[in-house]
Amino acid sequence: MKTQKPEKIDFGKIHKDLYSATSKVKELAVGKATFLTVEGKGEPGGPAFQEAIQKLYTVAYTTKFMLKYEGKLDFAVSRLECLWRIENPDTLPRSEWKWQLLIRIPDAVTSSDLKKAAAEIRRKRELDVAGVVRLRASLRSAPHTRFTSAIREGLPRPNSKPSFACQWDLSQRLKARGLKPCERGLKRLSNG
């Protein structure tokens, strides 16, 4: 007897407001979520950054297919998200930039599932994914805090790399609307 296939969870479709953006700044209602995450320091696109992305996606896809094969759960691997902890990207050397990479996963993915996936990755690929952890989190909020979303736009400044130089433009557009860019990102609720 064939087991019924689990329904696929796709956060890009379920939470379109959170995973789509336009050039206009829009306010968001943000709640709790579960992520795979890894933290690091270094230049965007540099060796540490690229290695962290590889580890994060390896754990995400191994977990996805492991749980799907077991008939427990199916989910689309979400888009890569990155939180930057930088006061001023114009003055801080890129080698000192602190970041946290995240991929949203269903709440039903357990720490036990991730340990099993990590063991499989070590066995098959000999890749150490110890820095990748499960994080149950919510965006930091205080009374009267508003969260926004917008696409970075504009051309990069001379001698800068395009996708990261435009972040400063977005920060300035938020300030022009009387909004303060998010400084700390996620608040840890639990690991596990």
C-alpha atoms as a PDB file:
ATOM      1  CA  MET A   1       0.000   0.000   0.000  1.00  0.00           C
ATOM      2  CA  LYS A   2       1.412   3.339  -1.067  1.00  0.00           C
ATOM      3  CA  THR A   3       1.625   6.101   1.542  1.00  0.00           C
ATOM      4  CA  GLN A   4       0.045   9.427   0.769  1.00  0.00           C
ATOM      5  CA  LYS A   5       2.450  12.115  -0.371  1.00  0.00           C
ATOM      6  CA  PRO A   6       2.717  15.016   2.091  1.00  0.00           C
ATOM      7  CA  GLU A   7       1.507  18.393   0.843  1.00  0.00           C
ATOM      8  CA  LYS A   8       4.399  20.650  -0.162  1.00  0.00           C
ATOM      9  CA  ILE A   9       5.005  23.727   1.995  1.00  0.00           C
ATOM     10  CA  ASP A  10       6.204  26.769   0.023  1.00  0.00           C
ATOM     11  CA  PHE A  11       6.752  29.905   2.117  1.00  0.00           C
ATOM     12  CA  GLY A  12       7.191  32.014  -1.032  1.00  0.00           C
ATOM     13  CA  LYS A  13       3.557  31.242  -1.893  1.00  0.00           C
ATOM     14  CA  ILE A  14       2.162  31.164   1.650  1.00  0.00           C
ATOM     15  CA  HIS A  15       3.761  34.470   2.703  1.00  0.00           C
ATOM     16  CA  LYS A  16       3.964  36.418  -0.550  1.00  0.00           C
ATOM     17  CA  ASP A  17       4.058  39.684   1.396  1.00  0.00           C
ATOM     18  CA  LEU A  18       7.284  38.614   3.145  1.00  0.00           C
ATOM     19  CA  TYR A  19       9.029  37.098   0.130  1.00  0.00           C
ATOM     20  CA  SER A  20       8.337  39.663  -2.549  1.00  0.00           C
ATOM     21  CA  ALA A  21       9.339  43.292  -2.696  1.00  0.00           C
ATOM     22  CA  THR A  22       8.933  46.297  -4.932  1.00  0.00           C
ATOM     23  CA  SER A  23      10.888  49.513  -5.232  1.00  0.00           C
ATOM     24  CA  LYS A  24       8.297  51.166  -2.970  1.00  0.00           C
ATOM     25  CA  VAL A  25       8.748  50.773   0.769  1.00  0.00           C
ATOM     26  CA  LYS A  26       5.888  48.710   2.257  1.00  0.00           C
ATOM     27  CA  GLU A  27       5.056  47.801   5.846  1.00  0.00           C
ATOM     28  CA  LEU A  28       4.933  44.148   6.876  1.00  0.00           C
ATOM     29  CA  ALA A  29       3.279  42.132   9.619  1.00  0.00           C
ATOM     30  CA  VAL A  30       6.015  39.779  10.795  1.00  0.00           C
ATOM     31  CA  GLY A  31       5.700  36.893  13.211  1.00  0.00           C
ATOM     32  CA  LYS A  32       7.700  33.906  14.447  1.00  0.00           C
ATOM     33  CA  ALA A  33       9.447  31.511  12.089  1.00  0.00           C
ATOM     34  CA  THR A  34      11.971  28.666  12.040  1.00  0.00           C
ATOM     35  CA  PHE A  35      15.220  28.930  10.090  1.00  0.00           C
ATOM     36  CA  LEU A  36      18.406  27.132   9.262  1.00  0.00           C
ATOM     37  CA  THR A  37      21.095  29.678  10.029  1.00  0.00           C
ATOM     38  CA  VAL A  38      24.825  30.201  10.064  1.00  0.00           C
ATOM     39  CA  GLU A  39      26.729  33.287  11.214  1.00  0.00           C
ATOM     40  CA  GLY A  40      30.046  34.610  10.030  1.00  0.00           C
ATOM     41  CA  LYS A  41      32.272  37.547   9.253  1.00  0.00           C
ATOM     42  CA  GLY A  42      33.887  38.610   6.024  1.00  0.00           C
ATOM     43  CA  GLU A  43      33.392  40.170   2.657  1.00  0.00           C
ATOM     44  CA  PRO A  44      30.147  39.442   0.807  1.00  0.00           C
ATOM     45  CA  GLY A  45      31.012  36.843  -1.795  1.00  0.00           C
ATOM     46  CA  GLY A  46      34.321  36.075  -0.052  1.00  0.00           C
ATOM     47  CA  PRO A  47      35.492  32.553   0.845  1.00  0.00           C
ATOM     48  CA  ALA A  48      33.805  32.395   4.296  1.00  0.00           C
ATOM     49  CA  PHE A  49      30.535  33.744   2.859  1.00  0.00           C
ATOM     50  CA  GLN A  50      30.544  31.253  -0.049  1.00  0.00           C
ATOM     51  CA  GLU A  51      31.402  28.333   2.248  1.00  0.00           C
ATOM     52  CA  ALA A  52      28.537  29.269   4.587  1.00  0.00           C
ATOM     53  CA  ILE A  53      26.091  29.376   1.661  1.00  0.00           C
ATOM     54  CA  GLN A  54      27.257  25.917   0.528  1.00  0.00           C
ATOM     55  CA  LYS A  55      26.779  24.477   4.020  1.00  0.00           C
ATOM     56  CA  LEU A  56      23.351  26.063   4.469  1.00  0.00           C
ATOM     57  CA  TYR A  57      21.975  24.823   1.135  1.00  0.00           C
ATOM     58  CA  THR A  58      23.527  21.370   1.624  1.00  0.00           C
ATOM     59  CA  VAL A  59      21.736  20.975   4.957  1.00  0.00           C
ATOM     60  CA  ALA A  60      18.477  22.422   3.575  1.00  0.00           C
ATOM     61  CA  TYR A  61      18.300  20.117   0.552  1.00  0.00           C
ATOM     62  CA  THR A  62      19.532  17.018   2.387  1.00  0.00           C
ATOM     63  CA  THR A  63      16.876  17.566   5.066  1.00  0.00           C
ATOM     64  CA  LYS A  64      14.158  18.273   2.498  1.00  0.00           C
ATOM     65  CA  PHE A  65      14.786  15.102   0.492  1.00  0.00           C
ATOM     66  CA  MET A  66      15.368  12.943   3.576  1.00  0.00           C
ATOM     67  CA  LEU A  67      11.994  13.953   5.074  1.00  0.00           C
ATOM     68  CA  LYS A  68      10.224  13.717   1.712  1.00  0.00           C
ATOM     69  CA  TYR A  69      11.627  10.204   1.135  1.00  0.00           C
ATOM     70  CA  GLU A  70      10.452   9.182   4.620  1.00  0.00           C
ATOM     71  CA  GLY A  71       6.968  10.516   3.759  1.00  0.00           C
ATOM     72  CA  LYS A  72       6.995  12.896   6.735  1.00  0.00           C
ATOM     73  CA  LEU A  73       7.204  16.319   5.136  1.00  0.00           C
ATOM     74  CA  ASP A  74       7.823  18.116   1.846  1.00  0.00           C
ATOM     75  CA  PHE A  75       8.843  21.729   1.493  1.00  0.00           C
ATOM     76  CA  ALA A  76      10.325  24.082  -1.054  1.00  0.00           C
ATOM     77  CA  VAL A  77      13.761  25.280  -0.002  1.00  0.00           C
ATOM     78  CA  SER A  78      13.189  28.976   0.629  1.00  0.00           C
ATOM     79  CA  ARG A  79      15.211  31.873  -0.669  1.00  0.00           C
ATOM     80  CA  LEU A  80      18.467  32.722   0.986  1.00  0.00           C
ATOM     81  CA  GLU A  81      18.154  35.640   3.387  1.00  0.00           C
ATOM     82  CA  CYS A  82      20.977  37.628   4.921  1.00  0.00           C
ATOM     83  CA  LEU A  83      21.068  39.955   7.895  1.00  0.00           C
ATOM     84  CA  TRP A  84      23.976  42.366   8.055  1.00  0.00           C
ATOM     85  CA  ARG A  85      25.330  43.806  11.282  1.00  0.00           C
ATOM     86  CA  ILE A  86      27.041  46.868   9.897  1.00  0.00           C
ATOM     87  CA  GLU A  87      26.760  50.399  11.248  1.00  0.00           C
ATOM     88  CA  ASN A  88      28.127  52.103   8.130  1.00  0.00           C
ATOM     89  CA  PRO A  89      29.162  50.051   5.088  1.00  0.00           C
ATOM     90  CA  ASP A  90      31.053  53.040   3.681  1.00  0.00           C
ATOM     91  CA  THR A  91      33.591  53.117   6.540  1.00  0.00           C
ATOM     92  CA  LEU A  92      33.838  49.543   7.821  1.00  0.00           C
ATOM     93  CA  PRO A  93      36.186  47.302   5.793  1.00  0.00           C
ATOM     94  CA  ARG A  94      34.270  44.485   4.104  1.00  0.00           C
ATOM     95  CA  SER A  95      36.509  41.927   5.785  1.00  0.00           C
ATOM     96  CA  GLU A  96      34.913  43.033   9.098  1.00  0.00           C
ATOM     97  CA  TRP A  97      31.278  42.806   7.974  1.00  0.00           C
ATOM     98  CA  LYS A  98      29.248  40.469  10.225  1.00  0.00           C
ATOM     99  CA  TRP A  99      26.372  38.534   8.710  1.00  0.00           C
ATOM    100  CA  GLN A 100      23.821  35.862   9.412  1.00  0.00           C
ATOM    101  CA  LEU A 101      22.564  33.704   6.539  1.00  0.00           C
ATOM    102  CA  LEU A 102      19.121  32.133   6.870  1.00  0.00           C
ATOM    103  CA  ILE A 103      16.812  29.786   5.014  1.00  0.00           C
ATOM    104  CA  ARG A 104      13.289  29.429   6.358  1.00  0.00           C
ATOM    105  CA  ILE A 105      12.161  25.875   7.097  1.00  0.00           C
ATOM    106  CA  PRO A 106       8.887  24.438   8.402  1.00  0.00           C
ATOM    107  CA  ASP A 107       8.463  24.400  12.185  1.00  0.00           C
ATOM    108  CA  ALA A 108       8.043  20.611  11.971  1.00  0.00           C
ATOM    109  CA  VAL A 109      11.722  20.147  11.021  1.00  0.00           C
ATOM    110  CA  THR A 110      13.355  19.121  14.307  1.00  0.00           C
ATOM    111  CA  SER A 111      16.891  19.326  15.640  1.00  0.00           C
ATOM    112  CA  SER A 112      16.901  15.525  15.474  1.00  0.00           C
ATOM    113  CA  ASP A 113      16.101  15.681  11.735  1.00  0.00           C
ATOM    114  CA  LEU A 114      18.992  18.108  11.233  1.00  0.00           C
ATOM    115  CA  LYS A 115      21.422  15.889  13.184  1.00  0.00           C
ATOM    116  CA  LYS A 116      20.439  12.955  10.987  1.00  0.00           C
ATOM    117  CA  ALA A 117      20.943  15.074   7.840  1.00  0.00           C
ATOM    118  CA  ALA A 118      24.325  16.327   9.114  1.00  0.00           C
ATOM    119  CA  ALA A 119      25.485  12.745   9.706  1.00  0.00           C
ATOM    120  CA  GLU A 120      24.449  11.822   6.162  1.00  0.00           C
ATOM    121  CA  ILE A 121      26.323  14.838   4.772  1.00  0.00           C
ATOM    122  CA  ARG A 122      29.487  13.918   6.703  1.00  0.00           C
ATOM    123  CA  ARG A 123      29.225  10.320   5.509  1.00  0.00           C
ATOM    124  CA  LYS A 124      28.566  11.072   1.827  1.00  0.00           C
ATOM    125  CA  ARG A 125      30.289  14.408   1.205  1.00  0.00           C
ATOM    126  CA  GLU A 126      32.785  14.688   4.073  1.00  0.00           C
ATOM    127  CA  LEU A 127      31.528  18.240   4.658  1.00  0.00           C
ATOM    128  CA  ASP A 128      31.466  19.649   8.192  1.00  0.00           C
ATOM    129  CA  VAL A 129      28.163  21.488   8.680  1.00  0.00           C
ATOM    130  CA  ALA A 130      28.454  21.942  12.456  1.00  0.00           C
ATOM    131  CA  GLY A 131      27.889  25.721  12.256  1.00  0.00           C
ATOM    132  CA  VAL A 132      24.445  25.322  10.671  1.00  0.00           C
ATOM    133  CA  VAL A 133      21.754  25.354  13.366  1.00  0.00           C
ATOM    134  CA  ARG A 134      17.975  25.408  13.712  1.00  0.00           C
ATOM    135  CA  LEU A 135      16.686  28.734  15.001  1.00  0.00           C
ATOM    136  CA  ARG A 136      13.155  29.534  16.126  1.00  0.00           C
ATOM    137  CA  ALA A 137      12.984  33.304  15.997  1.00  0.00           C
ATOM    138  CA  SER A 138      10.938  36.438  15.616  1.00  0.00           C
ATOM    139  CA  LEU A 139      11.989  39.771  14.290  1.00  0.00           C
ATOM    140  CA  ARG A 140      12.981  42.025  17.152  1.00  0.00           C
ATOM    141  CA  SER A 141      10.153  44.283  18.041  1.00  0.00           C
ATOM    142  CA  ALA A 142       9.388  46.911  20.573  1.00  0.00           C
ATOM    143  CA  PRO A 143       6.081  48.698  21.045  1.00  0.00           C
ATOM    144  CA  HIS A 144       5.258  50.720  17.930  1.00  0.00           C
ATOM    145  CA  THR A 145       7.973  49.082  15.804  1.00  0.00           C
ATOM    146  CA  ARG A 146       7.119  48.803  12.114  1.00  0.00           C
ATOM    147  CA  PHE A 147       8.800  46.412   9.675  1.00  0.00           C
ATOM    148  CA  THR A 148       9.270  47.256   6.020  1.00  0.00           C
ATOM    149  CA  SER A 149      10.340  45.661   2.765  1.00  0.00           C
ATOM    150  CA  ALA A 150      11.750  47.188  -0.410  1.00  0.00           C
ATOM    151  CA  ILE A 151      14.100  46.284  -3.212  1.00  0.00           C
ATOM    152  CA  ARG A 152      17.440  48.008  -3.230  1.00  0.00           C
ATOM    153  CA  GLU A 153      17.651  50.129  -6.344  1.00  0.00           C
ATOM    154  CA  GLY A 154      20.041  52.447  -8.066  1.00  0.00           C
ATOM    155  CA  LEU A 155      23.493  52.177  -9.477  1.00  0.00           C
ATOM    156  CA  PRO A 156      26.421  51.412  -7.227  1.00  0.00           C
ATOM    157  CA  ARG A 157      28.850  54.113  -6.254  1.00  0.00           C
ATOM    158  CA  PRO A 158      32.247  54.107  -8.011  1.00  0.00           C
ATOM    159  CA  ASN A 159      34.686  51.420  -6.806  1.00  0.00           C
ATOM    160  CA  SER A 160      31.987  49.373  -5.068  1.00  0.00           C
ATOM    161  CA  LYS A 161      30.332  46.042  -5.729  1.00  0.00           C
ATOM    162  CA  PRO A 162      26.774  46.466  -7.091  1.00  0.00           C
ATOM    163  CA  SER A 163      24.511  44.318  -4.933  1.00  0.00           C
ATOM    164  CA  PHE A 164      25.877  45.532  -1.579  1.00  0.00           C
ATOM    165  CA  ALA A 165      26.588  49.189  -2.333  1.00  0.00           C
ATOM    166  CA  CYS A 166      22.892  49.811  -3.029  1.00  0.00           C
ATOM    167  CA  GLN A 167      21.991  48.788   0.547  1.00  0.00           C
ATOM    168  CA  TRP A 168      22.953  52.261   1.716  1.00  0.00           C
ATOM    169  CA  ASP A 169      20.476  53.778  -0.785  1.00  0.00           C
ATOM    170  CA  LEU A 170      17.672  51.682   0.720  1.00  0.00           C
ATOM    171  CA  SER A 171      18.633  52.828   4.207  1.00  0.00           C
ATOM    172  CA  GLN A 172      18.429  56.448   3.073  1.00  0.00           C
ATOM    173  CA  ARG A 173      14.997  55.906   1.442  1.00  0.00           C
ATOM    174  CA  LEU A 174      13.667  54.424   4.699  1.00  0.00           C
ATOM    175  CA  LYS A 175      15.015  57.366   6.700  1.00  0.00           C
ATOM    176  CA  ALA A 176      13.374  59.783   4.255  1.00  0.00           C
ATOM    177  CA  ARG A 177      10.007  58.212   5.156  1.00  0.00           C
ATOM    178  CA  GLY A 178      10.712  58.596   8.857  1.00  0.00           C
ATOM    179  CA  LEU A 179      11.518  54.898   9.283  1.00  0.00           C
ATOM    180  CA  LYS A 180      14.610  53.440  10.935  1.00  0.00           C
ATOM    181  CA  PRO A 181      16.343  50.499   9.224  1.00  0.00           C
ATOM    182  CA  CYS A 182      16.342  47.280  11.265  1.00  0.00           C
ATOM    183  CA  GLU A 183      19.638  47.063  13.133  1.00  0.00           C
ATOM    184  CA  ARG A 184      19.655  43.694  14.854  1.00  0.00           C
ATOM    185  CA  GLY A 185      17.382  41.474  12.788  1.00  0.00           C
ATOM    186  CA  LEU A 186      16.249  38.321  14.529  1.00  0.00           C
ATOM    187  CA  LYS A 187      15.567  37.689  18.168  1.00  0.00           C
ATOM    188  CA  ARG A 188      16.453  34.154  19.254  1.00  0.00           C
ATOM    189  CA  LEU A 189      13.532  32.264  20.779  1.00  0.00           C
ATOM    190  CA  SER A 190      15.190  28.856  20.845  1.00  0.00           C
ATOM    191  CA  ASN A 191      17.807  26.636  19.249  1.00  0.00           C
ATOM    192  CA  GLY A 192      16.304  23.289  18.656  1.00  0.00           C
END
